[in-house]
């Protein structure tokens, strides 16, 4: 990081990563022949699998994350 005119300058990669640790997204997945809802971190790491969207959203909010839907 470089400081310029008293302001911290971020690289494009650092700027793009801002807030990613606070986001989680949900997407449908197939598990044991059933459609489930996966909760993933912004980097794609699977955090949990739930039986319903409501349960997945509750998991996200209980962990103080901001939910997003993947299409």
PDB file of N, CA and C in Angstrom:
ATOM      1  N   UNK A   1       0.836  -1.174   0.000  1.00  0.00           N
ATOM      2  CA  UNK A   1       0.000   0.000   0.000  1.00  0.00           C
ATOM      3  C   UNK A   1       0.884   1.241   0.000  1.00  0.00           C
ATOM      4  N   UNK A   2       0.418   2.223  -0.682  1.00  0.00           N
ATOM      5  CA  UNK A   2       1.164   3.465  -0.821  1.00  0.00           C
ATOM      6  C   UNK A   2       0.317   4.595  -0.248  1.00  0.00           C
ATOM      7  N   UNK A   3       0.965   5.495   0.464  1.00  0.00           N
ATOM      8  CA  UNK A   3       0.273   6.669   0.977  1.00  0.00           C
ATOM      9  C   UNK A   3       0.544   7.835   0.040  1.00  0.00           C
ATOM     10  N   UNK A   4      -0.506   8.530  -0.342  1.00  0.00           N
ATOM     11  CA  UNK A   4      -0.385   9.638  -1.264  1.00  0.00           C
ATOM     12  C   UNK A   4      -1.240  10.787  -0.768  1.00  0.00           C
ATOM     13  N   UNK A   5      -0.652  11.961  -0.591  1.00  0.00           N
ATOM     14  CA  UNK A   5      -1.375  13.144  -0.135  1.00  0.00           C
ATOM     15  C   UNK A   5      -2.145  12.887   1.158  1.00  0.00           C
ATOM     16  N   UNK A   6      -1.577  12.083   2.053  1.00  0.00           N
ATOM     17  CA  UNK A   6      -2.218  11.813   3.334  1.00  0.00           C
ATOM     18  C   UNK A   6      -3.287  10.735   3.282  1.00  0.00           C
ATOM     19  N   UNK A   7      -3.559  10.183   2.113  1.00  0.00           N
ATOM     20  CA  UNK A   7      -4.569   9.134   1.962  1.00  0.00           C
ATOM     21  C   UNK A   7      -3.896   7.820   1.617  1.00  0.00           C
ATOM     22  N   UNK A   8      -4.453   6.745   2.139  1.00  0.00           N
ATOM     23  CA  UNK A   8      -3.922   5.433   1.823  1.00  0.00           C
ATOM     24  C   UNK A   8      -4.456   5.006   0.461  1.00  0.00           C
ATOM     25  N   UNK A   9      -3.583   4.587  -0.404  1.00  0.00           N
ATOM     26  CA  UNK A   9      -3.962   4.101  -1.731  1.00  0.00           C
ATOM     27  C   UNK A   9      -3.954   2.577  -1.700  1.00  0.00           C
ATOM     28  N   UNK A  10      -4.996   1.962  -2.217  1.00  0.00           N
ATOM     29  CA  UNK A  10      -5.086   0.513  -2.252  1.00  0.00           C
ATOM     30  C   UNK A  10      -4.816  -0.005  -3.652  1.00  0.00           C
ATOM     31  N   UNK A  11      -4.227  -1.174  -3.717  1.00  0.00           N
ATOM     32  CA  UNK A  11      -4.071  -1.808  -5.020  1.00  0.00           C
ATOM     33  C   UNK A  11      -5.456  -2.243  -5.498  1.00  0.00           C
ATOM     34  N   UNK A  12      -5.575  -2.539  -6.779  1.00  0.00           N
ATOM     35  CA  UNK A  12      -6.859  -2.990  -7.327  1.00  0.00           C
ATOM     36  C   UNK A  12      -7.309  -4.268  -6.635  1.00  0.00           C
ATOM     37  N   UNK A  13      -6.374  -5.173  -6.346  1.00  0.00           N
ATOM     38  CA  UNK A  13      -6.723  -6.421  -5.665  1.00  0.00           C
ATOM     39  C   UNK A  13      -7.207  -6.163  -4.247  1.00  0.00           C
ATOM     40  N   UNK A  14      -6.541  -5.295  -3.526  1.00  0.00           N
ATOM     41  CA  UNK A  14      -6.941  -4.986  -2.157  1.00  0.00           C
ATOM     42  C   UNK A  14      -8.307  -4.310  -2.141  1.00  0.00           C
ATOM     43  N   UNK A  15      -8.546  -3.418  -3.078  1.00  0.00           N
ATOM     44  CA  UNK A  15      -9.839  -2.738  -3.154  1.00  0.00           C
ATOM     45  C   UNK A  15     -10.953  -3.743  -3.440  1.00  0.00           C
ATOM     46  N   UNK A  16     -10.712  -4.658  -4.370  1.00  0.00           N
ATOM     47  CA  UNK A  16     -11.714  -5.662  -4.730  1.00  0.00           C
ATOM     48  C   UNK A  16     -12.038  -6.582  -3.557  1.00  0.00           C
ATOM     49  N   UNK A  17     -11.072  -6.803  -2.662  1.00  0.00           N
ATOM     50  CA  UNK A  17     -11.269  -7.710  -1.540  1.00  0.00           C
ATOM     51  C   UNK A  17     -11.960  -7.059  -0.342  1.00  0.00           C
ATOM     52  N   UNK A  18     -12.112  -5.758  -0.345  1.00  0.00           N
ATOM     53  CA  UNK A  18     -12.735  -5.071   0.788  1.00  0.00           C
ATOM     54  C   UNK A  18     -14.121  -5.639   1.062  1.00  0.00           C
ATOM     55  N   UNK A  19     -14.371  -6.002   2.280  1.00  0.00           N
ATOM     56  CA  UNK A  19     -15.679  -6.482   2.687  1.00  0.00           C
ATOM     57  C   UNK A  19     -15.978  -7.926   2.353  1.00  0.00           C
ATOM     58  N   UNK A  20     -15.110  -8.602   1.610  1.00  0.00           N
ATOM     59  CA  UNK A  20     -15.404  -9.981   1.227  1.00  0.00           C
ATOM     60  C   UNK A  20     -15.552 -10.905   2.429  1.00  0.00           C
ATOM     61  N   UNK A  21     -14.830 -10.658   3.493  1.00  0.00           N
ATOM     62  CA  UNK A  21     -14.932 -11.523   4.664  1.00  0.00           C
ATOM     63  C   UNK A  21     -16.282 -11.385   5.354  1.00  0.00           C
ATOM     64  N   UNK A  22     -17.068 -10.376   4.976  1.00  0.00           N
ATOM     65  CA  UNK A  22     -18.380 -10.156   5.585  1.00  0.00           C
ATOM     66  C   UNK A  22     -19.524 -10.689   4.732  1.00  0.00           C
ATOM     67  N   UNK A  23     -19.218 -11.277   3.579  1.00  0.00           N
ATOM     68  CA  UNK A  23     -20.246 -11.742   2.659  1.00  0.00           C
ATOM     69  C   UNK A  23     -20.325 -13.257   2.624  1.00  0.00           C
ATOM     70  N   UNK A  24     -21.532 -13.748   2.405  1.00  0.00           N
ATOM     71  CA  UNK A  24     -21.749 -15.173   2.158  1.00  0.00           C
ATOM     72  C   UNK A  24     -22.830 -15.272   1.095  1.00  0.00           C
ATOM     73  N   UNK A  25     -22.745 -16.294   0.267  1.00  0.00           N
ATOM     74  CA  UNK A  25     -23.782 -16.458  -0.737  1.00  0.00           C
ATOM     75  C   UNK A  25     -24.376 -17.852  -0.641  1.00  0.00           C
ATOM     76  N   UNK A  26     -25.605 -17.941  -1.111  1.00  0.00           N
ATOM     77  CA  UNK A  26     -26.305 -19.216  -1.092  1.00  0.00           C
ATOM     78  C   UNK A  26     -26.552 -19.666  -2.515  1.00  0.00           C
ATOM     79  N   UNK A  27     -26.580 -20.989  -2.673  1.00  0.00           N
ATOM     80  CA  UNK A  27     -26.888 -21.547  -3.980  1.00  0.00           C
ATOM     81  C   UNK A  27     -27.403 -22.969  -3.786  1.00  0.00           C
ATOM     82  N   UNK A  28     -28.283 -23.397  -4.666  1.00  0.00           N
ATOM     83  CA  UNK A  28     -28.781 -24.771  -4.563  1.00  0.00           C
ATOM     84  C   UNK A  28     -27.698 -25.770  -4.971  1.00  0.00           C
ATOM     85  N   UNK A  29     -27.655 -26.886  -4.257  1.00  0.00           N
ATOM     86  CA  UNK A  29     -26.723 -27.974  -4.556  1.00  0.00           C
ATOM     87  C   UNK A  29     -27.462 -29.301  -4.394  1.00  0.00           C
ATOM     88  N   UNK A  30     -26.950 -30.324  -5.031  1.00  0.00           N
ATOM     89  CA  UNK A  30     -27.515 -31.668  -4.898  1.00  0.00           C
ATOM     90  C   UNK A  30     -26.674 -32.460  -3.898  1.00  0.00           C
ATOM     91  N   UNK A  31     -27.317 -33.011  -2.885  1.00  0.00           N
ATOM     92  CA  UNK A  31     -26.664 -33.850  -1.891  1.00  0.00           C
ATOM     93  C   UNK A  31     -27.543 -35.071  -1.634  1.00  0.00           C
ATOM     94  N   UNK A  32     -27.002 -36.210  -1.832  1.00  0.00           N
ATOM     95  CA  UNK A  32     -27.725 -37.469  -1.594  1.00  0.00           C
ATOM     96  C   UNK A  32     -29.071 -37.490  -2.308  1.00  0.00           C
ATOM     97  N   UNK A  33     -29.099 -36.978  -3.539  1.00  0.00           N
ATOM     98  CA  UNK A  33     -30.312 -36.985  -4.348  1.00  0.00           C
ATOM     99  C   UNK A  33     -31.340 -35.934  -3.972  1.00  0.00           C
ATOM    100  N   UNK A  34     -30.989 -35.064  -3.031  1.00  0.00           N
ATOM    101  CA  UNK A  34     -31.916 -34.005  -2.613  1.00  0.00           C
ATOM    102  C   UNK A  34     -31.322 -32.648  -2.945  1.00  0.00           C
ATOM    103  N   UNK A  35     -32.194 -31.684  -3.257  1.00  0.00           N
ATOM    104  CA  UNK A  35     -31.751 -30.314  -3.457  1.00  0.00           C
ATOM    105  C   UNK A  35     -31.641 -29.638  -2.104  1.00  0.00           C
ATOM    106  N   UNK A  36     -30.447 -29.144  -1.803  1.00  0.00           N
ATOM    107  CA  UNK A  36     -30.162 -28.458  -0.542  1.00  0.00           C
ATOM    108  C   UNK A  36     -29.674 -27.046  -0.882  1.00  0.00           C
ATOM    109  N   UNK A  37     -29.466 -26.245   0.132  1.00  0.00           N
ATOM    110  CA  UNK A  37     -28.958 -24.888  -0.046  1.00  0.00           C
ATOM    111  C   UNK A  37     -27.585 -24.792   0.614  1.00  0.00           C
ATOM    112  N   UNK A  38     -26.569 -24.521  -0.203  1.00  0.00           N
ATOM    113  CA  UNK A  38     -25.211 -24.360   0.317  1.00  0.00           C
ATOM    114  C   UNK A  38     -24.963 -22.903   0.672  1.00  0.00           C
ATOM    115  N   UNK A  39     -24.256 -22.695   1.757  1.00  0.00           N
ATOM    116  CA  UNK A  39     -23.794 -21.368   2.171  1.00  0.00           C
ATOM    117  C   UNK A  39     -22.301 -21.334   1.921  1.00  0.00           C
ATOM    118  N   UNK A  40     -21.861 -20.382   1.106  1.00  0.00           N
ATOM    119  CA  UNK A  40     -20.450 -20.276   0.752  1.00  0.00           C
ATOM    120  C   UNK A  40     -19.903 -18.919   1.141  1.00  0.00           C
ATOM    121  N   UNK A  41     -18.623 -18.912   1.550  1.00  0.00           N
ATOM    122  CA  UNK A  41     -17.919 -17.653   1.769  1.00  0.00           C
ATOM    123  C   UNK A  41     -17.674 -17.007   0.408  1.00  0.00           C
ATOM    124  N   UNK A  42     -17.331 -15.761   0.410  1.00  0.00           N
ATOM    125  CA  UNK A  42     -17.109 -15.031  -0.842  1.00  0.00           C
ATOM    126  C   UNK A  42     -16.022 -15.673  -1.693  1.00  0.00           C
ATOM    127  N   UNK A  43     -15.070 -16.371  -1.064  1.00  0.00           N
ATOM    128  CA  UNK A  43     -13.999 -17.020  -1.825  1.00  0.00           C
ATOM    129  C   UNK A  43     -14.395 -18.398  -2.346  1.00  0.00           C
ATOM    130  N   UNK A  44     -15.638 -18.812  -2.080  1.00  0.00           N
ATOM    131  CA  UNK A  44     -16.139 -20.088  -2.578  1.00  0.00           C
ATOM    132  C   UNK A  44     -16.079 -21.230  -1.580  1.00  0.00           C
ATOM    133  N   UNK A  45     -15.474 -21.013  -0.435  1.00  0.00           N
ATOM    134  CA  UNK A  45     -15.402 -22.050   0.586  1.00  0.00           C
ATOM    135  C   UNK A  45     -16.796 -22.364   1.115  1.00  0.00           C
ATOM    136  N   UNK A  46     -17.170 -23.636   1.098  1.00  0.00           N
ATOM    137  CA  UNK A  46     -18.481 -24.016   1.614  1.00  0.00           C
ATOM    138  C   UNK A  46     -18.459 -23.954   3.136  1.00  0.00           C
ATOM    139  N   UNK A  47     -19.416 -23.217   3.695  1.00  0.00           N
ATOM    140  CA  UNK A  47     -19.493 -23.043   5.138  1.00  0.00           C
ATOM    141  C   UNK A  47     -20.524 -23.955   5.779  1.00  0.00           C
ATOM    142  N   UNK A  48     -21.627 -24.207   5.060  1.00  0.00           N
ATOM    143  CA  UNK A  48     -22.713 -25.024   5.611  1.00  0.00           C
ATOM    144  C   UNK A  48     -23.622 -25.464   4.478  1.00  0.00           C
ATOM    145  N   UNK A  49     -24.426 -26.465   4.761  1.00  0.00           N
ATOM    146  CA  UNK A  49     -25.470 -26.909   3.840  1.00  0.00           C
ATOM    147  C   UNK A  49     -26.745 -27.016   4.658  1.00  0.00           C
ATOM    148  N   UNK A  50     -27.812 -26.414   4.164  1.00  0.00           N
ATOM    149  CA  UNK A  50     -29.083 -26.397   4.882  1.00  0.00           C
ATOM    150  C   UNK A  50     -30.187 -27.027   4.034  1.00  0.00           C
ATOM    151  N   UNK A  51     -31.239 -27.459   4.697  1.00  0.00           N
ATOM    152  CA  UNK A  51     -32.357 -28.069   3.996  1.00  0.00           C
ATOM    153  C   UNK A  51     -33.276 -27.045   3.339  1.00  0.00           C
ATOM    154  N   UNK A  52     -33.180 -25.778   3.767  1.00  0.00           N
ATOM    155  CA  UNK A  52     -34.052 -24.754   3.176  1.00  0.00           C
ATOM    156  C   UNK A  52     -33.322 -23.417   3.095  1.00  0.00           C
ATOM    157  N   UNK A  53     -33.851 -22.552   2.251  1.00  0.00           N
ATOM    158  CA  UNK A  53     -33.291 -21.210   2.101  1.00  0.00           C
ATOM    159  C   UNK A  53     -33.395 -20.445   3.421  1.00  0.00           C
ATOM    160  N   UNK A  54     -34.515 -20.600   4.118  1.00  0.00           N
ATOM    161  CA  UNK A  54     -34.712 -19.890   5.381  1.00  0.00           C
ATOM    162  C   UNK A  54     -33.663 -20.280   6.418  1.00  0.00           C
ATOM    163  N   UNK A  55     -33.355 -21.563   6.503  1.00  0.00           N
ATOM    164  CA  UNK A  55     -32.345 -22.025   7.459  1.00  0.00           C
ATOM    165  C   UNK A  55     -30.958 -21.511   7.047  1.00  0.00           C
ATOM    166  N   UNK A  56     -30.671 -21.521   5.752  1.00  0.00           N
ATOM    167  CA  UNK A  56     -29.394 -20.994   5.266  1.00  0.00           C
ATOM    168  C   UNK A  56     -29.261 -19.502   5.593  1.00  0.00           C
ATOM    169  N   UNK A  57     -30.331 -18.749   5.374  1.00  0.00           N
ATOM    170  CA  UNK A  57     -30.296 -17.312   5.668  1.00  0.00           C
ATOM    171  C   UNK A  57     -30.124 -17.068   7.164  1.00  0.00           C
ATOM    172  N   UNK A  58     -30.772 -17.881   7.996  1.00  0.00           N
ATOM    173  CA  UNK A  58     -30.620 -17.735   9.447  1.00  0.00           C
ATOM    174  C   UNK A  58     -29.174 -17.998   9.853  1.00  0.00           C
ATOM    175  N   UNK A  59     -28.544 -19.019   9.268  1.00  0.00           N
ATOM    176  CA  UNK A  59     -27.144 -19.316   9.547  1.00  0.00           C
ATOM    177  C   UNK A  59     -26.261 -18.108   9.206  1.00  0.00           C
ATOM    178  N   UNK A  60     -26.506 -17.523   8.047  1.00  0.00           N
ATOM    179  CA  UNK A  60     -25.712 -16.374   7.604  1.00  0.00           C
ATOM    180  C   UNK A  60     -25.854 -15.215   8.583  1.00  0.00           C
ATOM    181  N   UNK A  61     -27.085 -14.891   8.936  1.00  0.00           N
ATOM    182  CA  UNK A  61     -27.319 -13.750   9.833  1.00  0.00           C
ATOM    183  C   UNK A  61     -26.789 -14.010  11.245  1.00  0.00           C
ATOM    184  N   UNK A  62     -26.904 -15.259  11.735  1.00  0.00           N
ATOM    185  CA  UNK A  62     -26.380 -15.590  13.059  1.00  0.00           C
ATOM    186  C   UNK A  62     -24.868 -15.422  13.121  1.00  0.00           C
ATOM    187  N   UNK A  63     -24.221 -15.555  11.983  1.00  0.00           N
ATOM    188  CA  UNK A  63     -22.773 -15.398  11.920  1.00  0.00           C
ATOM    189  C   UNK A  63     -22.358 -14.013  11.450  1.00  0.00           C
ATOM    190  N   UNK A  64     -23.309 -13.075  11.499  1.00  0.00           N
ATOM    191  CA  UNK A  64     -23.073 -11.666  11.192  1.00  0.00           C
ATOM    192  C   UNK A  64     -22.463 -11.451   9.813  1.00  0.00           C
ATOM    193  N   UNK A  65     -22.971 -12.223   8.837  1.00  0.00           N
ATOM    194  CA  UNK A  65     -22.544 -12.080   7.447  1.00  0.00           C
ATOM    195  C   UNK A  65     -23.655 -11.430   6.647  1.00  0.00           C
ATOM    196  N   UNK A  66     -23.323 -10.886   5.510  1.00  0.00           N
ATOM    197  CA  UNK A  66     -24.288 -10.260   4.607  1.00  0.00           C
ATOM    198  C   UNK A  66     -24.614 -11.271   3.511  1.00  0.00           C
ATOM    199  N   UNK A  67     -25.907 -11.632   3.372  1.00  0.00           N
ATOM    200  CA  UNK A  67     -26.256 -12.663   2.387  1.00  0.00           C
ATOM    201  C   UNK A  67     -26.355 -12.148   0.959  1.00  0.00           C
ATOM    202  N   UNK A  68     -25.939 -13.008   0.024  1.00  0.00           N
ATOM    203  CA  UNK A  68     -26.087 -12.778  -1.408  1.00  0.00           C
ATOM    204  C   UNK A  68     -26.613 -14.065  -2.030  1.00  0.00           C
ATOM    205  N   UNK A  69     -27.307 -13.971  -3.139  1.00  0.00           N
ATOM    206  CA  UNK A  69     -27.757 -15.160  -3.848  1.00  0.00           C
ATOM    207  C   UNK A  69     -26.930 -15.337  -5.103  1.00  0.00           C
ATOM    208  N   UNK A  70     -26.495 -16.551  -5.362  1.00  0.00           N
ATOM    209  CA  UNK A  70     -25.786 -16.873  -6.602  1.00  0.00           C
ATOM    210  C   UNK A  70     -26.794 -17.466  -7.570  1.00  0.00           C
ATOM    211  N   UNK A  71     -26.714 -17.049  -8.810  1.00  0.00           N
ATOM    212  CA  UNK A  71     -27.672 -17.556  -9.809  1.00  0.00           C
ATOM    213  C   UNK A  71     -26.971 -18.433 -10.796  1.00  0.00           C
TER     214      UNK A  71
END
